[in-house]
Amino acid sequence: MPQPDPDEKIDATFRNGSLTAAGIILGFSLNFIGRWVSNPNDWSAIDIAPMLFLTVGITLQVKVFADLPARDSLIAEKYDRSGACS
C-alpha cells in the first residue's frame, strides 16, 4: 500500500461516514456486553477470556471513535493511523 503524501487531506464527508460506522459498531459492542453482563446466569472461569477480548476490542473502538473527530484527522496520514480505514 503506497504511503500518502504528508500534505494530502481527505474530504470531511468521508471522515463522517467512518465516524458513523465506528459509532454503530461501538454501540453494538456496548449493547452486546451490556446484555451479557446483565444475564442472570452465573459466571464461570471460562467467561473471563471472551470478556477480556471484548474489553480490549471496545477500548480500541473508543480510541478510534475519539481520534476521528479531531481536526488533524483530515490529514490522510493521521486518518490512516486512526485505524478507520483498515
PDB file of N, CA and C in Angstrom:
ATOM      1  N   MET A   1       0.841  -1.159   0.000  1.00  0.00           N
ATOM      2  CA  MET A   1       0.000   0.000   0.000  1.00  0.00           C
ATOM      3  C   MET A   1       0.898   1.239   0.000  1.00  0.00           C
ATOM      4  N   PRO A   2       0.697   2.154  -0.955  1.00  0.00           N
ATOM      5  CA  PRO A   2       1.544   3.340  -1.010  1.00  0.00           C
ATOM      6  C   PRO A   2       1.276   4.278   0.163  1.00  0.00           C
ATOM      7  N   GLN A   3       2.332   4.935   0.599  1.00  0.00           N
ATOM      8  CA  GLN A   3       2.215   5.890   1.700  1.00  0.00           C
ATOM      9  C   GLN A   3       1.604   7.187   1.183  1.00  0.00           C
ATOM     10  N   PRO A   4       0.655   7.775   1.923  1.00  0.00           N
ATOM     11  CA  PRO A   4       0.063   9.030   1.466  1.00  0.00           C
ATOM     12  C   PRO A   4       1.044  10.191   1.613  1.00  0.00           C
ATOM     13  N   ASP A   5       0.856  11.200   0.771  1.00  0.00           N
ATOM     14  CA  ASP A   5       1.635  12.417   0.852  1.00  0.00           C
ATOM     15  C   ASP A   5       1.354  13.086   2.202  1.00  0.00           C
ATOM     16  N   PRO A   6       2.371  13.619   2.898  1.00  0.00           N
ATOM     17  CA  PRO A   6       2.141  14.230   4.225  1.00  0.00           C
ATOM     18  C   PRO A   6       1.130  15.379   4.201  1.00  0.00           C
ATOM     19  N   ASP A   7       1.001  16.044   3.046  1.00  0.00           N
ATOM     20  CA  ASP A   7       0.062  17.164   2.958  1.00  0.00           C
ATOM     21  C   ASP A   7      -1.297  16.753   2.403  1.00  0.00           C
ATOM     22  N   GLU A   8      -1.445  15.494   2.026  1.00  0.00           N
ATOM     23  CA  GLU A   8      -2.709  15.032   1.453  1.00  0.00           C
ATOM     24  C   GLU A   8      -3.800  15.055   2.519  1.00  0.00           C
ATOM     25  N   LYS A   9      -4.973  15.545   2.140  1.00  0.00           N
ATOM     26  CA  LYS A   9      -6.102  15.602   3.068  1.00  0.00           C
ATOM     27  C   LYS A   9      -7.268  14.805   2.504  1.00  0.00           C
ATOM     28  N   ILE A  10      -8.087  14.294   3.399  1.00  0.00           N
ATOM     29  CA  ILE A  10      -9.290  13.592   2.985  1.00  0.00           C
ATOM     30  C   ILE A  10     -10.471  14.545   3.096  1.00  0.00           C
ATOM     31  N   ASP A  11     -11.531  14.213   2.400  1.00  0.00           N
ATOM     32  CA  ASP A  11     -12.742  15.021   2.461  1.00  0.00           C
ATOM     33  C   ASP A  11     -13.445  14.785   3.799  1.00  0.00           C
ATOM     34  N   ALA A  12     -13.971  15.842   4.385  1.00  0.00           N
ATOM     35  CA  ALA A  12     -14.624  15.734   5.698  1.00  0.00           C
ATOM     36  C   ALA A  12     -15.829  14.807   5.649  1.00  0.00           C
ATOM     37  N   THR A  13     -16.535  14.752   4.516  1.00  0.00           N
ATOM     38  CA  THR A  13     -17.706  13.873   4.437  1.00  0.00           C
ATOM     39  C   THR A  13     -17.282  12.409   4.467  1.00  0.00           C
ATOM     40  N   PHE A  14     -16.095  12.100   3.936  1.00  0.00           N
ATOM     41  CA  PHE A  14     -15.591  10.731   4.012  1.00  0.00           C
ATOM     42  C   PHE A  14     -15.310  10.363   5.460  1.00  0.00           C
ATOM     43  N   ARG A  15     -14.740  11.286   6.209  1.00  0.00           N
ATOM     44  CA  ARG A  15     -14.465  11.040   7.627  1.00  0.00           C
ATOM     45  C   ARG A  15     -15.776  10.854   8.390  1.00  0.00           C
ATOM     46  N   ASN A  16     -16.804  11.610   8.023  1.00  0.00           N
ATOM     47  CA  ASN A  16     -18.085  11.493   8.721  1.00  0.00           C
ATOM     48  C   ASN A  16     -18.683  10.099   8.564  1.00  0.00           C
ATOM     49  N   GLY A  17     -18.527   9.506   7.387  1.00  0.00           N
ATOM     50  CA  GLY A  17     -19.006   8.138   7.191  1.00  0.00           C
ATOM     51  C   GLY A  17     -18.267   7.149   8.064  1.00  0.00           C
ATOM     52  N   SER A  18     -16.959   7.337   8.173  1.00  0.00           N
ATOM     53  CA  SER A  18     -16.164   6.453   9.034  1.00  0.00           C
ATOM     54  C   SER A  18     -16.544   6.630  10.498  1.00  0.00           C
ATOM     55  N   LEU A  19     -16.823   7.862  10.882  1.00  0.00           N
ATOM     56  CA  LEU A  19     -17.235   8.143  12.257  1.00  0.00           C
ATOM     57  C   LEU A  19     -18.578   7.485  12.552  1.00  0.00           C
ATOM     58  N   THR A  20     -19.494   7.540  11.594  1.00  0.00           N
ATOM     59  CA  THR A  20     -20.796   6.892  11.772  1.00  0.00           C
ATOM     60  C   THR A  20     -20.639   5.383  11.910  1.00  0.00           C
ATOM     61  N   ALA A  21     -19.825   4.786  11.033  1.00  0.00           N
ATOM     62  CA  ALA A  21     -19.610   3.338  11.094  1.00  0.00           C
ATOM     63  C   ALA A  21     -18.963   2.930  12.415  1.00  0.00           C
ATOM     64  N   ALA A  22     -17.953   3.683  12.852  1.00  0.00           N
ATOM     65  CA  ALA A  22     -17.296   3.367  14.123  1.00  0.00           C
ATOM     66  C   ALA A  22     -18.273   3.492  15.287  1.00  0.00           C
ATOM     67  N   GLY A  23     -19.147   4.495  15.240  1.00  0.00           N
ATOM     68  CA  GLY A  23     -20.145   4.674  16.295  1.00  0.00           C
ATOM     69  C   GLY A  23     -21.154   3.540  16.348  1.00  0.00           C
ATOM     70  N   ILE A  24     -21.566   3.067  15.174  1.00  0.00           N
ATOM     71  CA  ILE A  24     -22.534   1.959  15.130  1.00  0.00           C
ATOM     72  C   ILE A  24     -21.909   0.680  15.675  1.00  0.00           C
ATOM     73  N   ILE A  25     -20.678   0.403  15.272  1.00  0.00           N
ATOM     74  CA  ILE A  25     -20.002  -0.800  15.759  1.00  0.00           C
ATOM     75  C   ILE A  25     -19.755  -0.709  17.267  1.00  0.00           C
ATOM     76  N   LEU A  26     -19.357   0.467  17.740  1.00  0.00           N
ATOM     77  CA  LEU A  26     -19.156   0.661  19.175  1.00  0.00           C
ATOM     78  C   LEU A  26     -20.463   0.486  19.937  1.00  0.00           C
ATOM     79  N   GLY A  27     -21.539   1.039  19.414  1.00  0.00           N
ATOM     80  CA  GLY A  27     -22.850   0.883  20.056  1.00  0.00           C
ATOM     81  C   GLY A  27     -23.282  -0.570  20.124  1.00  0.00           C
ATOM     82  N   PHE A  28     -23.068  -1.311  19.031  1.00  0.00           N
ATOM     83  CA  PHE A  28     -23.397  -2.736  19.031  1.00  0.00           C
ATOM     84  C   PHE A  28     -22.582  -3.477  20.082  1.00  0.00           C
ATOM     85  N   SER A  29     -21.284  -3.181  20.147  1.00  0.00           N
ATOM     86  CA  SER A  29     -20.416  -3.868  21.104  1.00  0.00           C
ATOM     87  C   SER A  29     -20.821  -3.574  22.547  1.00  0.00           C
ATOM     88  N   LEU A  30     -21.116  -2.312  22.828  1.00  0.00           N
ATOM     89  CA  LEU A  30     -21.537  -1.950  24.185  1.00  0.00           C
ATOM     90  C   LEU A  30     -22.883  -2.580  24.535  1.00  0.00           C
ATOM     91  N   ASN A  31     -23.800  -2.640  23.572  1.00  0.00           N
ATOM     92  CA  ASN A  31     -25.091  -3.282  23.807  1.00  0.00           C
ATOM     93  C   ASN A  31     -24.906  -4.778  24.067  1.00  0.00           C
ATOM     94  N   PHE A  32     -24.034  -5.419  23.285  1.00  0.00           N
ATOM     95  CA  PHE A  32     -23.781  -6.847  23.463  1.00  0.00           C
ATOM     96  C   PHE A  32     -23.214  -7.138  24.841  1.00  0.00           C
ATOM     97  N   ILE A  33     -22.192  -6.384  25.226  1.00  0.00           N
ATOM     98  CA  ILE A  33     -21.562  -6.635  26.527  1.00  0.00           C
ATOM     99  C   ILE A  33     -22.521  -6.286  27.665  1.00  0.00           C
ATOM    100  N   GLY A  34     -23.357  -5.269  27.473  1.00  0.00           N
ATOM    101  CA  GLY A  34     -24.344  -4.918  28.498  1.00  0.00           C
ATOM    102  C   GLY A  34     -25.365  -6.019  28.717  1.00  0.00           C
ATOM    103  N   ARG A  35     -25.828  -6.616  27.620  1.00  0.00           N
ATOM    104  CA  ARG A  35     -26.782  -7.732  27.758  1.00  0.00           C
ATOM    105  C   ARG A  35     -26.124  -8.959  28.372  1.00  0.00           C
ATOM    106  N   TRP A  36     -24.863  -9.183  28.021  1.00  0.00           N
ATOM    107  CA  TRP A  36     -24.160 -10.344  28.548  1.00  0.00           C
ATOM    108  C   TRP A  36     -23.939 -10.187  30.052  1.00  0.00           C
ATOM    109  N   VAL A  37     -23.560  -9.005  30.493  1.00  0.00           N
ATOM    110  CA  VAL A  37     -23.304  -8.760  31.913  1.00  0.00           C
ATOM    111  C   VAL A  37     -24.597  -8.840  32.720  1.00  0.00           C
ATOM    112  N   SER A  38     -25.713  -8.388  32.138  1.00  0.00           N
ATOM    113  CA  SER A  38     -26.977  -8.392  32.872  1.00  0.00           C
ATOM    114  C   SER A  38     -27.690  -9.746  32.835  1.00  0.00           C
ATOM    115  N   ASN A  39     -27.093 -10.734  32.199  1.00  0.00           N
ATOM    116  CA  ASN A  39     -27.666 -12.075  32.148  1.00  0.00           C
ATOM    117  C   ASN A  39     -27.685 -12.661  33.565  1.00  0.00           C
ATOM    118  N   PRO A  40     -28.811 -13.226  33.992  1.00  0.00           N
ATOM    119  CA  PRO A  40     -28.898 -13.727  35.373  1.00  0.00           C
ATOM    120  C   PRO A  40     -28.121 -15.019  35.630  1.00  0.00           C
ATOM    121  N   ASN A  41     -27.591 -15.648  34.598  1.00  0.00           N
ATOM    122  CA  ASN A  41     -26.832 -16.882  34.806  1.00  0.00           C
ATOM    123  C   ASN A  41     -25.531 -16.586  35.540  1.00  0.00           C
ATOM    124  N   ASP A  42     -25.036 -17.596  36.249  1.00  0.00           N
ATOM    125  CA  ASP A  42     -23.783 -17.451  36.985  1.00  0.00           C
ATOM    126  C   ASP A  42     -22.599 -17.391  36.029  1.00  0.00           C
ATOM    127  N   TRP A  43     -21.582 -16.615  36.419  1.00  0.00           N
ATOM    128  CA  TRP A  43     -20.360 -16.521  35.644  1.00  0.00           C
ATOM    129  C   TRP A  43     -19.454 -17.681  36.011  1.00  0.00           C
ATOM    130  N   SER A  44     -18.629 -18.114  35.052  1.00  0.00           N
ATOM    131  CA  SER A  44     -17.648 -19.149  35.340  1.00  0.00           C
ATOM    132  C   SER A  44     -16.284 -18.669  34.857  1.00  0.00           C
ATOM    133  N   ALA A  45     -15.259 -19.456  35.141  1.00  0.00           N
ATOM    134  CA  ALA A  45     -13.898 -19.066  34.764  1.00  0.00           C
ATOM    135  C   ALA A  45     -13.725 -18.980  33.252  1.00  0.00           C
ATOM    136  N   ILE A  46     -14.497 -19.736  32.507  1.00  0.00           N
ATOM    137  CA  ILE A  46     -14.374 -19.720  31.047  1.00  0.00           C
ATOM    138  C   ILE A  46     -14.877 -18.405  30.442  1.00  0.00           C
ATOM    139  N   ASP A  47     -15.657 -17.656  31.197  1.00  0.00           N
ATOM    140  CA  ASP A  47     -16.178 -16.371  30.712  1.00  0.00           C
ATOM    141  C   ASP A  47     -15.134 -15.254  30.752  1.00  0.00           C
ATOM    142  N   ILE A  48     -14.031 -15.463  31.437  1.00  0.00           N
ATOM    143  CA  ILE A  48     -13.031 -14.406  31.587  1.00  0.00           C
ATOM    144  C   ILE A  48     -12.347 -14.096  30.257  1.00  0.00           C
ATOM    145  N   ALA A  49     -11.969 -15.110  29.487  1.00  0.00           N
ATOM    146  CA  ALA A  49     -11.250 -14.887  28.221  1.00  0.00           C
ATOM    147  C   ALA A  49     -12.082 -14.078  27.218  1.00  0.00           C
ATOM    148  N   PRO A  50     -13.326 -14.472  26.912  1.00  0.00           N
ATOM    149  CA  PRO A  50     -14.088 -13.649  25.970  1.00  0.00           C
ATOM    150  C   PRO A  50     -14.350 -12.244  26.490  1.00  0.00           C
ATOM    151  N   MET A  51     -14.553 -12.100  27.792  1.00  0.00           N
ATOM    152  CA  MET A  51     -14.783 -10.768  28.352  1.00  0.00           C
ATOM    153  C   MET A  51     -13.535  -9.913  28.214  1.00  0.00           C
ATOM    154  N   LEU A  52     -12.373 -10.505  28.384  1.00  0.00           N
ATOM    155  CA  LEU A  52     -11.118  -9.778  28.214  1.00  0.00           C
ATOM    156  C   LEU A  52     -10.958  -9.309  26.760  1.00  0.00           C
ATOM    157  N   PHE A  53     -11.229 -10.203  25.800  1.00  0.00           N
ATOM    158  CA  PHE A  53     -11.143  -9.830  24.387  1.00  0.00           C
ATOM    159  C   PHE A  53     -12.152  -8.739  24.034  1.00  0.00           C
ATOM    160  N   LEU A  54     -13.356  -8.852  24.555  1.00  0.00           N
ATOM    161  CA  LEU A  54     -14.372  -7.821  24.299  1.00  0.00           C
ATOM    162  C   LEU A  54     -13.955  -6.477  24.890  1.00  0.00           C
ATOM    163  N   THR A  55     -13.400  -6.495  26.073  1.00  0.00           N
ATOM    164  CA  THR A  55     -12.978  -5.257  26.718  1.00  0.00           C
ATOM    165  C   THR A  55     -11.848  -4.585  25.937  1.00  0.00           C
ATOM    166  N   VAL A  56     -10.880  -5.366  25.469  1.00  0.00           N
ATOM    167  CA  VAL A  56      -9.791  -4.810  24.666  1.00  0.00           C
ATOM    168  C   VAL A  56     -10.340  -4.261  23.349  1.00  0.00           C
ATOM    169  N   GLY A  57     -11.234  -5.006  22.716  1.00  0.00           N
ATOM    170  CA  GLY A  57     -11.831  -4.546  21.465  1.00  0.00           C
ATOM    171  C   GLY A  57     -12.617  -3.257  21.634  1.00  0.00           C
ATOM    172  N   ILE A  58     -13.391  -3.161  22.688  1.00  0.00           N
ATOM    173  CA  ILE A  58     -14.175  -1.952  22.935  1.00  0.00           C
ATOM    174  C   ILE A  58     -13.249  -0.776  23.240  1.00  0.00           C
ATOM    175  N   THR A  59     -12.156  -1.030  23.958  1.00  0.00           N
ATOM    176  CA  THR A  59     -11.195   0.033  24.238  1.00  0.00           C
ATOM    177  C   THR A  59     -10.599   0.578  22.941  1.00  0.00           C
ATOM    178  N   LEU A  60     -10.252  -0.301  22.013  1.00  0.00           N
ATOM    179  CA  LEU A  60      -9.718   0.138  20.723  1.00  0.00           C
ATOM    180  C   LEU A  60     -10.775   0.888  19.916  1.00  0.00           C
ATOM    181  N   GLN A  61     -12.019   0.447  19.984  1.00  0.00           N
ATOM    182  CA  GLN A  61     -13.106   1.137  19.277  1.00  0.00           C
ATOM    183  C   GLN A  61     -13.311   2.542  19.839  1.00  0.00           C
ATOM    184  N   VAL A  62     -13.222   2.690  21.146  1.00  0.00           N
ATOM    185  CA  VAL A  62     -13.364   4.008  21.765  1.00  0.00           C
ATOM    186  C   VAL A  62     -12.208   4.912  21.332  1.00  0.00           C
ATOM    187  N   LYS A  63     -11.002   4.348  21.218  1.00  0.00           N
ATOM    188  CA  LYS A  63      -9.851   5.140  20.773  1.00  0.00           C
ATOM    189  C   LYS A  63     -10.072   5.654  19.354  1.00  0.00           C
ATOM    190  N   VAL A  64     -10.522   4.788  18.447  1.00  0.00           N
ATOM    191  CA  VAL A  64     -10.803   5.207  17.072  1.00  0.00           C
ATOM    192  C   VAL A  64     -11.910   6.251  17.061  1.00  0.00           C
ATOM    193  N   PHE A  65     -12.949   6.022  17.837  1.00  0.00           N
ATOM    194  CA  PHE A  65     -14.077   6.947  17.894  1.00  0.00           C
ATOM    195  C   PHE A  65     -13.640   8.308  18.447  1.00  0.00           C
ATOM    196  N   ALA A  66     -12.660   8.322  19.333  1.00  0.00           N
ATOM    197  CA  ALA A  66     -12.158   9.584  19.889  1.00  0.00           C
ATOM    198  C   ALA A  66     -11.174  10.265  18.938  1.00  0.00           C
ATOM    199  N   ASP A  67     -10.426   9.482  18.158  1.00  0.00           N
ATOM    200  CA  ASP A  67      -9.439  10.056  17.240  1.00  0.00           C
ATOM    201  C   ASP A  67     -10.075  10.685  16.003  1.00  0.00           C
ATOM    202  N   LEU A  68     -11.166  10.129  15.516  1.00  0.00           N
ATOM    203  CA  LEU A  68     -11.747  10.595  14.257  1.00  0.00           C
ATOM    204  C   LEU A  68     -12.275  12.026  14.279  1.00  0.00           C
ATOM    205  N   PRO A  69     -12.918  12.519  15.325  1.00  0.00           N
ATOM    206  CA  PRO A  69     -13.427  13.890  15.274  1.00  0.00           C
ATOM    207  C   PRO A  69     -12.338  14.967  15.365  1.00  0.00           C
ATOM    208  N   ALA A  70     -11.132  14.600  15.708  1.00  0.00           N
ATOM    209  CA  ALA A  70     -10.066  15.595  15.842  1.00  0.00           C
ATOM    210  C   ALA A  70      -9.829  16.303  14.510  1.00  0.00           C
ATOM    211  N   ARG A  71      -9.521  17.557  14.590  1.00  0.00           N
ATOM    212  CA  ARG A  71      -9.328  18.373  13.386  1.00  0.00           C
ATOM    213  C   ARG A  71      -8.191  17.850  12.508  1.00  0.00           C
ATOM    214  N   ASP A  72      -7.127  17.372  13.140  1.00  0.00           N
ATOM    215  CA  ASP A  72      -5.993  16.893  12.348  1.00  0.00           C
ATOM    216  C   ASP A  72      -6.228  15.512  11.738  1.00  0.00           C
ATOM    217  N   SER A  73      -7.373  14.888  11.996  1.00  0.00           N
ATOM    218  CA  SER A  73      -7.659  13.599  11.373  1.00  0.00           C
ATOM    219  C   SER A  73      -8.030  13.750   9.903  1.00  0.00           C
ATOM    220  N   LEU A  74      -8.168  14.981   9.425  1.00  0.00           N
ATOM    221  CA  LEU A  74      -8.392  15.201   7.994  1.00  0.00           C
ATOM    222  C   LEU A  74      -7.110  14.996   7.198  1.00  0.00           C
ATOM    223  N   ILE A  75      -5.966  14.991   7.845  1.00  0.00           N
ATOM    224  CA  ILE A  75      -4.705  14.681   7.177  1.00  0.00           C
ATOM    225  C   ILE A  75      -4.687  13.171   6.945  1.00  0.00           C
ATOM    226  N   ALA A  76      -4.456  12.776   5.701  1.00  0.00           N
ATOM    227  CA  ALA A  76      -4.587  11.362   5.313  1.00  0.00           C
ATOM    228  C   ALA A  76      -3.714  10.445   6.159  1.00  0.00           C
ATOM    229  N   GLU A  77      -2.493  10.872   6.463  1.00  0.00           N
ATOM    230  CA  GLU A  77      -1.591  10.028   7.248  1.00  0.00           C
ATOM    231  C   GLU A  77      -2.154   9.748   8.638  1.00  0.00           C
ATOM    232  N   LYS A  78      -2.703  10.752   9.301  1.00  0.00           N
ATOM    233  CA  LYS A  78      -3.269  10.579  10.640  1.00  0.00           C
ATOM    234  C   LYS A  78      -4.591   9.817  10.577  1.00  0.00           C
ATOM    235  N   TYR A  79      -5.359  10.036   9.504  1.00  0.00           N
ATOM    236  CA  TYR A  79      -6.605   9.296   9.326  1.00  0.00           C
ATOM    237  C   TYR A  79      -6.310   7.809   9.184  1.00  0.00           C
ATOM    238  N   ASP A  80      -5.293   7.478   8.388  1.00  0.00           N
ATOM    239  CA  ASP A  80      -4.924   6.075   8.217  1.00  0.00           C
ATOM    240  C   ASP A  80      -4.438   5.472   9.527  1.00  0.00           C
ATOM    241  N   ARG A  81      -3.737   6.244  10.339  1.00  0.00           N
ATOM    242  CA  ARG A  81      -3.221   5.748  11.613  1.00  0.00           C
ATOM    243  C   ARG A  81      -4.336   5.483  12.625  1.00  0.00           C
ATOM    244  N   SER A  82      -5.473   6.188  12.470  1.00  0.00           N
ATOM    245  CA  SER A  82      -6.555   6.003  13.440  1.00  0.00           C
ATOM    246  C   SER A  82      -7.180   4.622  13.352  1.00  0.00           C
ATOM    247  N   GLY A  83      -6.925   3.906  12.278  1.00  0.00           N
ATOM    248  CA  GLY A  83      -7.444   2.556  12.160  1.00  0.00           C
ATOM    249  C   GLY A  83      -8.794   2.505  11.491  1.00  0.00           C
ATOM    250  N   ALA A  84      -9.324   3.612  11.051  1.00  0.00           N
ATOM    251  CA  ALA A  84     -10.652   3.634  10.455  1.00  0.00           C
ATOM    252  C   ALA A  84     -10.669   3.026   9.064  1.00  0.00           C
ATOM    253  N   CYS A  85      -9.545   3.016   8.380  1.00  0.00           N
ATOM    254  CA  CYS A  85      -9.544   2.514   7.008  1.00  0.00           C
ATOM    255  C   CYS A  85      -9.104   1.068   6.932  1.00  0.00           C
ATOM    256  N   SER A  86      -8.772   0.414   8.040  1.00  0.00           N
ATOM    257  CA  SER A  86      -8.309  -0.954   7.961  1.00  0.00           C
ATOM    258  C   SER A  86      -9.437  -1.943   7.978  1.00  0.00           C
TER     259      SER A  86
END
